[in-house]
Protein backbone atom coordinates (compact mmCIF):
# COMPACT_ATOMS: atom_id res chain seq x y z
CA MET A 1 -26.18 8.62 -13.66
CA LYS A 2 -27.19 9.50 -10.35
CA ARG A 3 -30.24 7.75 -8.73
CA GLN A 4 -33.24 9.64 -7.67
CA TYR A 5 -34.27 8.79 -4.03
CA THR A 6 -37.92 9.02 -2.86
CA GLN A 7 -38.91 10.82 0.43
CA GLU A 8 -39.28 7.31 2.04
CA GLU A 9 -35.94 6.14 1.25
CA TYR A 10 -34.46 9.40 2.66
CA TYR A 11 -36.39 8.94 5.72
CA TYR A 12 -35.33 5.20 6.11
CA GLN A 13 -31.76 5.94 5.63
CA ALA A 14 -31.96 8.98 8.37
CA GLN A 15 -33.71 6.48 10.59
CA THR A 16 -31.04 3.85 10.11
CA ARG A 17 -28.13 6.47 10.62
CA VAL A 18 -29.63 7.64 13.76
CA ARG A 19 -30.09 4.18 15.17
CA LYS A 20 -26.46 3.28 14.25
CA LEU A 21 -25.40 6.49 15.89
CA THR A 22 -27.37 5.87 19.26
CA ARG A 23 -25.95 2.36 19.40
CA PHE A 24 -22.44 3.50 18.81
CA TYR A 25 -22.74 6.32 21.73
CA GLY A 26 -24.23 3.69 24.07
CA HIS A 27 -21.25 1.29 23.35
CA LEU A 28 -18.77 4.17 23.79
CA PHE A 29 -20.40 5.11 26.88
CA VAL A 30 -20.08 1.63 28.50
CA TYR A 31 -16.52 1.54 27.07
CA ILE A 32 -15.42 4.75 28.77
CA ILE A 33 -16.81 3.63 32.20
CA VAL A 34 -14.99 0.33 31.89
CA LEU A 35 -11.90 2.18 30.72
CA MET A 36 -12.12 4.20 33.90
CA LEU A 37 -12.48 1.13 35.95
CA TYR A 38 -9.44 -0.61 34.38
CA ILE A 39 -7.31 2.46 34.78
CA LEU A 40 -8.24 2.60 38.54
CA LYS A 41 -7.37 -1.19 38.96
CA GLU A 42 -4.25 -1.19 37.02
CA TYR A 43 -2.61 2.09 37.48
CA PHE A 44 -3.79 3.11 40.84
CA GLY A 45 -4.22 -0.41 42.63
CA ALA A 46 -7.85 0.02 43.43
CA PRO A 47 -9.00 -3.34 45.19
CA LEU A 48 -11.72 -3.94 42.46
CA ASN A 49 -11.98 -7.70 42.57
CA PHE A 50 -15.65 -8.11 42.16
CA PHE A 51 -16.88 -10.38 39.27
CA PRO A 52 -16.84 -8.63 36.00
CA VAL A 53 -14.02 -6.19 36.84
CA ARG A 54 -11.87 -8.91 37.79
CA TYR A 55 -11.25 -10.13 34.33
CA LEU A 56 -10.36 -6.82 32.91
CA ASN A 57 -6.78 -7.14 31.61
CA ASP A 58 -4.66 -5.70 28.93
CA LEU A 59 -5.80 -8.35 26.24
CA VAL A 60 -9.52 -7.45 27.09
CA MET A 61 -9.07 -3.78 26.81
CA SER A 62 -7.08 -4.14 23.55
CA ILE A 63 -9.60 -6.13 21.75
CA TRP A 64 -12.31 -3.86 22.98
CA THR A 65 -10.41 -0.72 21.90
CA PHE A 66 -10.06 -2.28 18.47
CA VAL A 67 -13.50 -3.15 18.15
CA ILE A 68 -14.66 0.39 19.07
CA ALA A 69 -12.02 1.92 16.58
CA VAL A 70 -13.32 -0.30 13.90
CA LYS A 71 -17.00 0.75 14.72
CA LEU A 72 -16.04 4.42 14.66
CA VAL A 73 -14.22 3.97 11.24
CA LYS A 74 -17.27 2.10 9.94
CA LEU A 75 -19.89 4.41 11.09
CA PHE A 76 -18.13 7.74 10.30
CA PHE A 77 -15.57 7.30 7.60
CA ALA A 78 -17.32 4.45 5.63
CA GLU A 79 -19.24 6.84 3.21
CA VAL A 80 -15.86 8.72 2.63
CA ILE A 81 -14.01 5.77 1.85
CA PHE A 82 -16.31 3.58 -0.05
CA GLY A 83 -18.69 6.13 -1.87
CA GLU A 84 -22.39 6.70 -1.33
CA ASN A 85 -23.34 2.95 -1.25
């Protein structure tokens, strides 16, 4: 038996979904900028030796890529995999 949702519950679910999407796209934007800096540093030899970029290496980018991929699956495919709830 399916549960009947009220208008407020639909609004709250939509609001939560939009908040999650906004946060994900913000993180994805920062990731893409850092990825470009990493590619410039590692593959083109750009002299980027200032504080935060100095510590970009393969391990950091691998972990960050894994985290972004997990967030992507969790956000877009969780309902398909785990059902409505």
